[in-house]
Amino acid sequence: MSRRTPRPLVALFTAGYLAPYLLPTVVGRLGDSLHLSPAQAGLIGSALLMSSAAAGFTFAGRVDRMGPRTLARAGLLLAALGYSAAAATSFVPLVVIGAMAGGFGSGTATTVAATGIAGQRDPHRASTLGLLSVSALAGALYLTMPHLGTGHALPFAAIALTALATWPATSGLAAGTAGLPTPAGEPRPAGPLPFRRSGLVLAAAMLCWSMAQNSLWGVSSRIGTDQAGLTEITVGAVFAVALGTALVGVLGAGALGSRLGRATPIGAGTALIACCIVVSARADDLTSFATGEIAWNTLYPVVLSYLIGLAASLDPRGRWAVLVGSAASLGTACGPLTGSVLSQTAGYPAMGATLAVALLLLALPLTAVALHTGGSPLLRPGTVRRRGGAPAALVAGVTGAPAGAVPQMGAPEQPVVEITVSTPQPAPTQEEFSTAGPRGGSAGLGQSSNANASTSAR
């Protein structure tokens, strides 16, 4: 079986995630071109991402029934139309409606991508490729948009064009309602949602984790221009360099893979991100601003790739991947408004300290979920629940063990076949046998002679 990730999934992932990646310039340009306050501009950004999260909650677990190709194309079309409408007008209500329509389309594309990535044999590798693609595209846009003009139309138009450019890639998706198969070509197993407790904890923690990240990301442009005294071109260059180093981080995460497991990259990475947020929020010149943003953007996609892979590994049908991703989008939606309110009331340094403390607290449940779901393969749905399961655990822990030696997590239970065994004949009585070797007396000699004669006859 090929380990290659289908290109349509990477393309859909890129189109769906581009809006959150361009959030700082979207919010900043909305405020400048429409003469809105930071809180008002952040509210529009939150409405966009809230609509994206609503699409994930709406279509979670329904991609197979509705057809991946049909759903993906509907989402891309809606994204192109919505963002184009938002770019074509300066009337605030129409901008809000267009942004929300485009956000729902982006969320739909992300839902199809997340469902397909969850069915891959290595979901972490698939999510890494998606993050690599969207980081490269966003970095290129941050470099070019400041030279093309001002106004909110440019970022919205860029997202709309990306959705249209992704349309041809959807031809590689399943056309009917058979859904997205597993890498082995088998249909996705049906059944109840596994790992309910771990999934709910992960979804709640991801909501807060994403809100903390995007609270800073949504006002990063303001920190650079207002507090650090930089121009928009300089801030855009810093963001482009930061997203370029993010590519290095994503490549490193892809090369590292699961060698350290998921708990260490998630827990330690979240703690380091908290430190970077403090540095970025306190920046008052180019050096400190660039240091915080670059370090933060290098670590953020690394940890995010492990979180996406963790959510995808909980259910091969992709339901937890979509639900956790939608919860993250919900937190992302609340980020710009939260960051704007905190920065306006307490200032940027106090906002950074608050977000850092929240991330340090969130590292605990995230690490616990990674340890619980990644360290007990025999307790996962789909393992063979028989008394001979212990050797399977040893096989799973051996480096280089064959991939098919242990059932994949979330796979359907192995069928138990009943074998009818015929009733055995009554056991012979002890009198029908005699002991081997010579015996005393004539009887013993006679029996021994008969036995030797019988053996010779054979």
Protein backbone atom coordinates (compact mmCIF):
# COMPACT_ATOMS: atom_id res chain seq x y z
CA MET A 1 0.00 0.00 0.00
CA SER A 2 1.27 3.45 -0.83
CA ARG A 3 2.07 5.88 1.95
CA ARG A 4 1.45 8.84 -0.34
CA THR A 5 -1.12 11.31 0.92
CA PRO A 6 -3.82 12.07 -1.67
CA ARG A 7 -3.24 15.52 -3.16
CA PRO A 8 -6.92 16.53 -2.97
CA LEU A 9 -6.78 16.31 0.82
CA VAL A 10 -3.72 18.55 1.01
CA ALA A 11 -5.31 21.04 -1.38
CA LEU A 12 -8.57 21.13 0.61
CA PHE A 13 -6.63 21.50 3.85
CA THR A 14 -4.77 24.49 2.38
CA ALA A 15 -7.94 26.18 1.12
CA GLY A 16 -9.74 25.65 4.42
CA TYR A 17 -6.93 26.81 6.71
CA LEU A 18 -5.83 29.84 4.69
CA ALA A 19 -8.38 32.21 6.26
CA PRO A 20 -7.14 31.65 9.85
CA TYR A 21 -3.54 32.04 8.67
CA LEU A 22 -4.34 35.41 7.08
CA LEU A 23 -6.35 36.56 10.07
CA PRO A 24 -3.97 39.31 11.26
CA THR A 25 -3.94 41.11 7.92
CA VAL A 26 -7.69 40.57 7.47
CA VAL A 27 -8.48 42.12 10.87
CA GLY A 28 -5.93 44.92 10.48
CA ARG A 29 -7.09 45.91 7.00
CA LEU A 30 -10.76 45.74 8.00
CA GLY A 31 -10.07 48.23 10.75
CA ASP A 32 -8.09 50.58 8.51
CA SER A 33 -10.23 50.51 5.36
CA LEU A 34 -13.65 50.46 7.04
CA HIS A 35 -12.65 52.80 9.91
CA LEU A 36 -13.49 50.23 12.60
CA SER A 37 -12.08 49.93 16.08
CA PRO A 38 -9.80 46.93 16.82
CA ALA A 39 -12.63 45.27 18.73
CA GLN A 40 -15.08 45.75 15.86
CA ALA A 41 -12.64 44.45 13.28
CA GLY A 42 -11.84 41.51 15.54
CA LEU A 43 -15.55 40.79 15.83
CA ILE A 44 -15.81 40.40 12.04
CA GLY A 45 -12.85 38.03 12.08
CA SER A 46 -14.49 36.08 14.88
CA ALA A 47 -17.75 35.87 12.90
CA LEU A 48 -15.84 34.43 9.93
CA LEU A 49 -14.17 31.74 12.02
CA MET A 50 -17.34 31.04 14.00
CA SER A 51 -19.09 30.24 10.74
CA SER A 52 -16.21 27.95 9.80
CA ALA A 53 -16.58 26.09 13.08
CA ALA A 54 -20.34 25.78 12.52
CA ALA A 55 -19.65 23.99 9.23
CA GLY A 56 -17.48 21.45 11.03
CA PHE A 57 -20.12 20.73 13.66
CA THR A 58 -22.78 20.46 10.95
CA PHE A 59 -20.98 17.97 8.72
CA ALA A 60 -19.05 15.93 11.29
CA GLY A 61 -19.64 12.26 10.49
CA ARG A 62 -21.72 13.09 7.38
CA VAL A 63 -19.02 13.33 4.73
CA ASP A 64 -19.36 9.68 3.74
CA ARG A 65 -23.12 9.93 3.38
CA MET A 66 -23.13 13.18 1.41
CA GLY A 67 -20.20 12.33 -0.83
CA PRO A 68 -16.73 13.87 -0.38
CA ARG A 69 -16.52 15.38 -3.87
CA THR A 70 -19.97 16.95 -3.75
CA LEU A 71 -19.47 18.41 -0.28
CA ALA A 72 -15.97 19.69 -1.05
CA ARG A 73 -17.07 21.43 -4.24
CA ALA A 74 -20.05 23.00 -2.51
CA GLY A 75 -17.76 24.34 0.21
CA LEU A 76 -15.22 25.72 -2.25
CA LEU A 77 -17.94 27.40 -4.31
CA LEU A 78 -19.46 28.99 -1.23
CA ALA A 79 -16.03 30.16 -0.06
CA ALA A 80 -15.25 31.73 -3.43
CA LEU A 81 -18.59 33.52 -3.62
CA GLY A 82 -18.62 34.68 0.00
CA TYR A 83 -15.08 36.04 0.11
CA SER A 84 -15.52 37.66 -3.31
CA ALA A 85 -18.63 39.46 -2.05
CA ALA A 86 -16.77 40.64 1.04
CA ALA A 87 -13.93 41.92 -1.13
CA ALA A 88 -16.20 43.76 -3.54
CA THR A 89 -17.97 46.03 -1.04
CA SER A 90 -17.22 48.46 1.76
CA PHE A 91 -20.70 48.25 3.27
CA VAL A 92 -20.02 46.67 6.66
CA PRO A 93 -23.16 44.45 6.89
CA LEU A 94 -22.43 42.97 3.45
CA VAL A 95 -18.79 42.45 4.41
CA VAL A 96 -19.91 40.54 7.49
CA ILE A 97 -22.36 38.39 5.52
CA GLY A 98 -19.79 37.64 2.84
CA ALA A 99 -17.12 36.80 5.40
CA MET A 100 -19.47 34.44 7.25
CA ALA A 101 -20.55 32.72 4.02
CA GLY A 102 -16.93 32.30 2.99
CA GLY A 103 -16.06 31.01 6.44
CA PHE A 104 -18.77 28.36 6.21
CA GLY A 105 -17.34 27.27 2.86
CA SER A 106 -13.82 27.12 4.26
CA GLY A 107 -15.05 25.06 7.19
CA THR A 108 -16.78 22.64 4.83
CA ALA A 109 -13.57 22.12 2.86
CA THR A 110 -11.64 21.61 6.08
CA THR A 111 -14.20 19.02 7.24
CA VAL A 112 -13.74 16.92 4.10
CA ALA A 113 -9.96 17.22 4.40
CA ALA A 114 -9.94 16.26 8.09
CA THR A 115 -12.17 13.26 7.45
CA GLY A 116 -9.89 12.02 4.69
CA ILE A 117 -6.70 12.63 6.69
CA ALA A 118 -8.09 10.62 9.62
CA GLY A 119 -8.41 7.60 7.32
CA GLN A 120 -4.72 7.67 6.38
CA ARG A 121 -2.33 5.18 7.91
CA ASP A 122 -0.17 8.08 9.18
CA PRO A 123 -2.48 11.03 9.93
CA HIS A 124 0.39 13.03 11.44
CA ARG A 125 2.29 12.91 8.17
CA ALA A 126 -0.81 13.94 6.23
CA SER A 127 -1.54 16.89 8.53
CA THR A 128 2.12 17.91 8.34
CA LEU A 129 1.94 18.12 4.55
CA GLY A 130 -1.23 20.23 4.80
CA LEU A 131 0.36 22.63 7.27
CA LEU A 132 3.44 22.82 5.08
CA SER A 133 1.33 23.82 2.09
CA VAL A 134 -0.77 26.46 3.85
CA SER A 135 2.27 27.96 5.61
CA ALA A 136 4.10 28.36 2.31
CA LEU A 137 1.10 29.98 0.62
CA ALA A 138 0.39 32.31 3.53
CA GLY A 139 4.04 33.35 3.70
CA ALA A 140 4.06 34.22 0.01
CA LEU A 141 0.88 36.28 0.41
CA TYR A 142 2.30 38.20 3.37
CA LEU A 143 5.28 39.12 1.21
CA THR A 144 3.31 40.23 -1.83
CA MET A 145 0.10 41.85 -0.51
CA PRO A 146 1.70 44.95 1.05
CA HIS A 147 3.16 45.80 -2.38
CA LEU A 148 -0.17 45.35 -4.18
CA GLY A 149 -2.12 47.96 -2.24
CA THR A 150 -4.12 48.56 0.89
CA GLY A 151 -7.68 47.72 1.81
CA HIS A 152 -9.52 44.62 2.92
CA ALA A 153 -10.25 43.39 -0.61
CA LEU A 154 -6.83 41.82 -1.22
CA PRO A 155 -6.81 39.15 1.54
CA PHE A 156 -10.44 38.21 0.85
CA ALA A 157 -9.73 37.97 -2.88
CA ALA A 158 -6.66 35.81 -2.22
CA ILE A 159 -8.71 33.32 -0.19
CA ALA A 160 -11.43 33.26 -2.86
CA LEU A 161 -8.90 32.60 -5.64
CA THR A 162 -7.34 29.80 -3.61
CA ALA A 163 -10.75 28.15 -3.28
CA LEU A 164 -11.28 28.35 -7.03
CA ALA A 165 -7.79 27.01 -7.73
CA THR A 166 -8.52 24.01 -5.48
CA TRP A 167 -11.66 23.05 -7.43
CA PRO A 168 -9.86 20.84 -10.05
CA ALA A 169 -8.19 18.83 -7.28
CA THR A 170 -11.58 17.61 -6.05
CA SER A 171 -11.83 15.30 -9.09
CA GLY A 172 -9.63 12.90 -7.14
CA LEU A 173 -12.26 12.50 -4.40
CA ALA A 174 -14.99 9.89 -4.32
CA ALA A 175 -17.98 11.01 -6.39
CA GLY A 176 -20.75 9.01 -4.72
CA THR A 177 -21.84 8.43 -1.17
CA ALA A 178 -19.52 5.47 -0.66
CA GLY A 179 -17.29 7.86 1.22
CA LEU A 180 -13.58 8.05 1.74
CA PRO A 181 -12.10 4.55 2.17
CA THR A 182 -9.30 3.60 4.48
CA PRO A 183 -5.76 3.32 3.03
CA ALA A 184 -6.31 -0.41 2.51
CA GLY A 185 -9.28 0.35 0.25
CA GLU A 186 -11.81 -0.93 2.77
CA PRO A 187 -14.93 1.00 3.76
CA ARG A 188 -14.73 2.96 6.97
CA PRO A 189 -15.98 0.99 9.95
CA ALA A 190 -19.25 2.14 11.44
CA GLY A 191 -19.96 2.18 15.12
CA PRO A 192 -20.28 4.44 18.15
CA LEU A 193 -17.87 7.27 18.72
CA PRO A 194 -14.78 5.82 20.46
CA PHE A 195 -12.74 7.47 23.20
CA ARG A 196 -15.59 9.72 24.28
CA ARG A 197 -13.97 11.01 27.46
CA SER A 198 -10.56 11.62 25.89
CA GLY A 199 -12.15 13.18 22.83
CA LEU A 200 -14.26 15.57 24.87
CA VAL A 201 -11.27 16.62 26.98
CA LEU A 202 -9.20 17.12 23.84
CA ALA A 203 -11.96 19.17 22.17
CA ALA A 204 -12.41 21.43 25.21
CA ALA A 205 -8.67 21.92 25.64
CA MET A 206 -8.21 22.62 21.93
CA LEU A 207 -10.92 25.26 22.04
CA CYS A 208 -9.02 27.15 24.75
CA TRP A 209 -5.62 26.40 23.19
CA SER A 210 -6.64 27.85 19.84
CA MET A 211 -8.30 30.85 21.49
CA ALA A 212 -5.06 31.67 23.33
CA GLN A 213 -2.99 31.32 20.15
CA ASN A 214 -5.25 33.46 18.03
CA SER A 215 -5.82 36.06 20.72
CA LEU A 216 -2.22 37.08 20.07
CA TRP A 217 -2.27 36.28 16.33
CA GLY A 218 -5.31 38.47 15.81
CA VAL A 219 -3.58 41.53 17.27
CA SER A 220 0.00 40.77 16.22
CA SER A 221 -0.23 43.31 13.42
CA ARG A 222 -1.35 45.95 15.92
CA ILE A 223 1.50 45.10 18.27
CA GLY A 224 3.98 45.56 15.45
CA THR A 225 2.59 48.88 14.23
CA ASP A 226 1.33 50.48 17.46
CA GLN A 227 3.68 49.20 20.16
CA ALA A 228 6.86 48.37 18.22
CA GLY A 229 6.47 51.32 15.82
CA LEU A 230 6.93 49.30 12.60
CA THR A 231 5.39 49.88 9.20
CA GLU A 232 2.92 47.46 7.62
CA ILE A 233 5.56 46.40 5.08
CA THR A 234 8.01 45.57 7.87
CA VAL A 235 5.36 43.69 9.84
CA GLY A 236 4.38 41.74 6.72
CA ALA A 237 8.04 40.85 6.14
CA VAL A 238 8.34 39.60 9.73
CA PHE A 239 5.23 37.48 9.28
CA ALA A 240 6.60 36.08 6.02
CA VAL A 241 9.90 35.14 7.66
CA ALA A 242 8.00 33.65 10.61
CA LEU A 243 5.88 31.52 8.30
CA GLY A 244 9.05 30.53 6.45
CA THR A 245 10.58 29.24 9.67
CA ALA A 246 7.25 27.55 10.31
CA LEU A 247 7.96 25.50 7.20
CA VAL A 248 11.21 24.39 8.80
CA GLY A 249 9.35 23.46 11.97
CA VAL A 250 6.75 21.48 10.05
CA LEU A 251 9.45 19.66 8.10
CA GLY A 252 11.19 18.86 11.37
CA ALA A 253 7.96 17.53 12.84
CA GLY A 254 7.43 15.38 9.75
CA ALA A 255 10.96 13.99 9.99
CA LEU A 256 10.65 13.39 13.73
CA GLY A 257 7.32 11.64 13.32
CA SER A 258 6.32 9.54 16.32
CA ARG A 259 9.82 8.90 17.64
CA LEU A 260 9.10 10.97 20.75
CA GLY A 261 5.44 10.01 20.86
CA ARG A 262 2.82 12.73 21.03
CA ALA A 263 2.88 13.70 24.71
CA THR A 264 6.36 15.27 24.74
CA PRO A 265 5.95 17.46 21.63
CA ILE A 266 2.48 18.58 22.74
CA GLY A 267 3.29 19.29 26.40
CA ALA A 268 6.77 20.77 26.03
CA GLY A 269 5.83 22.58 22.82
CA THR A 270 2.85 24.27 24.46
CA ALA A 271 5.04 25.45 27.36
CA LEU A 272 7.58 26.93 24.94
CA ILE A 273 4.81 28.65 22.99
CA ALA A 274 3.68 30.31 26.22
CA CYS A 275 7.16 31.81 26.63
CA CYS A 276 7.16 33.04 23.03
CA ILE A 277 3.79 34.75 23.51
CA VAL A 278 5.16 36.69 26.47
CA VAL A 279 8.13 37.88 24.40
CA SER A 280 5.97 38.86 21.43
CA ALA A 281 3.37 40.70 23.51
CA ARG A 282 6.07 42.78 25.25
CA ALA A 283 7.89 43.68 21.99
CA ASP A 284 8.79 47.34 21.64
CA ASP A 285 11.22 47.21 18.72
CA LEU A 286 11.93 45.18 15.60
CA THR A 287 14.32 42.73 17.30
CA SER A 288 12.01 41.68 20.10
CA PHE A 289 8.96 41.61 17.83
CA ALA A 290 10.69 39.47 15.21
CA THR A 291 12.16 37.15 17.86
CA GLY A 292 8.82 36.46 19.51
CA GLU A 293 6.86 36.06 16.27
CA ILE A 294 9.42 33.87 14.54
CA ALA A 295 9.94 31.57 17.52
CA TRP A 296 6.21 31.33 18.13
CA ASN A 297 5.34 30.60 14.49
CA THR A 298 8.06 27.97 14.33
CA LEU A 299 6.64 26.04 17.27
CA TYR A 300 2.92 26.58 16.68
CA PRO A 301 2.49 24.41 13.55
CA VAL A 302 4.67 21.69 15.05
CA VAL A 303 2.43 21.30 18.08
CA LEU A 304 -0.68 21.76 15.95
CA SER A 305 0.38 18.91 13.63
CA TYR A 306 0.67 16.55 16.61
CA LEU A 307 -2.70 17.71 17.96
CA ILE A 308 -4.37 17.14 14.59
CA GLY A 309 -2.74 13.73 14.35
CA LEU A 310 -3.88 12.90 17.88
CA ALA A 311 -7.47 13.82 17.10
CA ALA A 312 -7.38 11.88 13.82
CA SER A 313 -6.02 8.78 15.55
CA LEU A 314 -9.01 8.58 17.90
CA ASP A 315 -11.42 7.56 15.13
CA PRO A 316 -10.62 6.34 11.58
CA ARG A 317 -13.95 7.75 10.36
CA GLY A 318 -12.64 11.21 11.14
CA ARG A 319 -15.44 12.21 13.49
CA TRP A 320 -13.16 13.25 16.34
CA ALA A 321 -10.82 14.97 13.88
CA VAL A 322 -13.71 17.09 12.62
CA LEU A 323 -15.21 17.75 16.05
CA VAL A 324 -11.87 18.67 17.62
CA GLY A 325 -11.01 20.77 14.58
CA SER A 326 -14.36 22.55 14.83
CA ALA A 327 -13.78 23.19 18.53
CA ALA A 328 -10.39 24.62 17.62
CA SER A 329 -12.05 26.81 14.98
CA LEU A 330 -14.50 27.98 17.62
CA GLY A 331 -11.60 28.97 19.85
CA THR A 332 -9.88 30.59 16.88
CA ALA A 333 -13.06 32.56 16.25
CA CYS A 334 -13.07 33.88 19.80
CA GLY A 335 -9.36 34.73 19.60
CA PRO A 336 -9.41 38.06 17.75
CA LEU A 337 -12.16 39.48 19.93
CA THR A 338 -10.56 38.16 23.12
CA GLY A 339 -7.16 39.56 22.15
CA SER A 340 -8.65 42.91 21.20
CA VAL A 341 -10.59 43.24 24.46
CA LEU A 342 -7.65 42.15 26.62
CA SER A 343 -5.22 44.47 24.85
CA GLN A 344 -7.57 47.44 25.06
CA THR A 345 -8.36 46.95 28.75
CA ALA A 346 -5.03 45.73 30.16
CA GLY A 347 -2.44 46.39 27.46
CA TYR A 348 -0.44 44.04 25.28
CA PRO A 349 2.08 42.83 27.95
CA ALA A 350 -0.68 41.92 30.42
CA MET A 351 -2.57 40.17 27.65
CA GLY A 352 0.53 38.09 26.82
CA ALA A 353 1.05 37.11 30.46
CA THR A 354 -2.59 36.03 30.79
CA LEU A 355 -2.43 33.92 27.66
CA ALA A 356 0.85 32.33 28.73
CA VAL A 357 -0.59 31.22 32.08
CA ALA A 358 -3.63 29.76 30.31
CA LEU A 359 -1.42 27.76 27.94
CA LEU A 360 0.68 26.37 30.78
CA LEU A 361 -2.50 25.12 32.44
CA LEU A 362 -3.79 23.65 29.17
CA ALA A 363 -0.58 21.69 28.63
CA LEU A 364 -1.62 19.32 31.43
CA PRO A 365 -4.88 17.90 29.98
CA LEU A 366 -3.45 17.84 26.45
CA THR A 367 -0.47 15.80 27.61
CA ALA A 368 -2.73 13.52 29.65
CA VAL A 369 -4.89 12.72 26.60
CA ALA A 370 -1.80 12.03 24.49
CA LEU A 371 -0.45 9.68 27.16
CA HIS A 372 -3.77 7.91 27.70
CA THR A 373 -4.59 7.28 24.05
CA GLY A 374 -1.04 6.74 22.84
CA GLY A 375 0.32 4.44 25.52
CA SER A 376 -2.23 1.65 25.80
CA PRO A 377 -2.75 0.00 22.40
CA LEU A 378 -4.54 -3.01 23.84
CA LEU A 379 -7.27 -0.85 25.34
CA ARG A 380 -8.14 0.86 22.06
CA PRO A 381 -11.21 0.01 20.05
CA GLY A 382 -10.40 -2.56 17.46
CA THR A 383 -7.81 -4.52 19.42
CA VAL A 384 -8.36 -8.25 19.73
CA ARG A 385 -10.02 -8.67 23.09
CA ARG A 386 -8.89 -12.18 23.89
CA ARG A 387 -6.73 -13.63 26.62
CA GLY A 388 -3.82 -13.95 24.22
CA GLY A 389 -3.56 -10.20 23.69
CA ALA A 390 -0.37 -9.64 25.65
CA PRO A 391 1.95 -10.89 22.89
CA ALA A 392 0.32 -8.40 20.51
CA ALA A 393 1.38 -5.59 22.82
CA LEU A 394 4.94 -6.81 22.66
CA VAL A 395 4.80 -6.94 18.87
CA ALA A 396 3.45 -3.39 18.79
CA GLY A 397 6.29 -2.15 20.95
CA VAL A 398 9.06 -3.71 18.88
CA THR A 399 10.79 -1.36 16.46
CA GLY A 400 10.23 -2.47 12.91
CA ALA A 401 7.26 -4.65 13.69
CA PRO A 402 5.05 -5.24 10.66
CA ALA A 403 2.31 -2.66 10.31
CA GLY A 404 -0.40 -5.28 10.07
CA ALA A 405 0.68 -7.22 13.14
CA VAL A 406 -1.63 -5.31 15.42
CA PRO A 407 -5.15 -4.14 14.48
CA GLN A 408 -5.32 -0.43 13.78
CA MET A 409 -7.01 1.77 16.36
CA GLY A 410 -10.69 2.18 15.67
CA ALA A 411 -10.82 -0.82 13.35
CA PRO A 412 -13.88 -3.10 13.67
CA GLU A 413 -13.69 -5.88 16.19
CA GLN A 414 -12.30 -9.16 14.87
CA PRO A 415 -15.17 -11.57 14.23
CA VAL A 416 -15.24 -14.62 16.47
CA VAL A 417 -16.07 -17.77 14.51
CA GLU A 418 -17.63 -20.63 16.43
CA ILE A 419 -16.18 -24.03 15.52
CA THR A 420 -18.26 -27.11 16.24
CA VAL A 421 -16.18 -29.87 17.85
CA SER A 422 -17.49 -33.43 17.77
CA THR A 423 -17.89 -35.27 21.06
CA PRO A 424 -14.75 -37.33 21.74
CA GLN A 425 -14.92 -41.05 22.32
CA PRO A 426 -14.78 -42.25 25.92
CA ALA A 427 -11.26 -42.49 27.23
CA PRO A 428 -9.90 -46.03 27.44
CA THR A 429 -9.71 -47.63 30.86
CA GLN A 430 -6.45 -48.37 32.58
CA GLU A 431 -6.92 -52.14 32.16
CA GLU A 432 -6.46 -51.83 28.37
CA PHE A 433 -2.82 -50.76 28.77
CA SER A 434 0.18 -52.41 30.30
CA THR A 435 3.44 -50.90 31.45
CA ALA A 436 6.53 -51.15 29.29
CA GLY A 437 9.52 -53.26 30.22
CA PRO A 438 10.02 -56.78 31.55
CA ARG A 439 7.82 -58.08 34.30
CA GLY A 440 8.26 -60.81 36.74
CA GLY A 441 6.35 -64.06 36.32
CA SER A 442 5.05 -65.93 33.33
CA ALA A 443 2.28 -63.51 32.76
CA GLY A 444 4.73 -60.69 32.37
CA LEU A 445 6.88 -62.74 30.02
CA GLY A 446 3.92 -63.73 27.96
CA GLN A 447 2.73 -60.19 27.61
CA SER A 448 6.19 -59.01 26.68
CA SER A 449 6.52 -61.70 24.04
CA ASN A 450 3.17 -60.81 22.55
CA ALA A 451 4.12 -57.15 22.43
CA ASN A 452 7.43 -57.92 20.66
CA ALA A 453 5.70 -60.12 18.16
CA SER A 454 3.18 -57.43 17.44
CA THR A 455 5.96 -54.92 16.91
CA SER A 456 7.79 -57.24 14.53
CA ALA A 457 4.63 -57.79 12.52
CA ARG A 458 4.39 -54.03 11.90
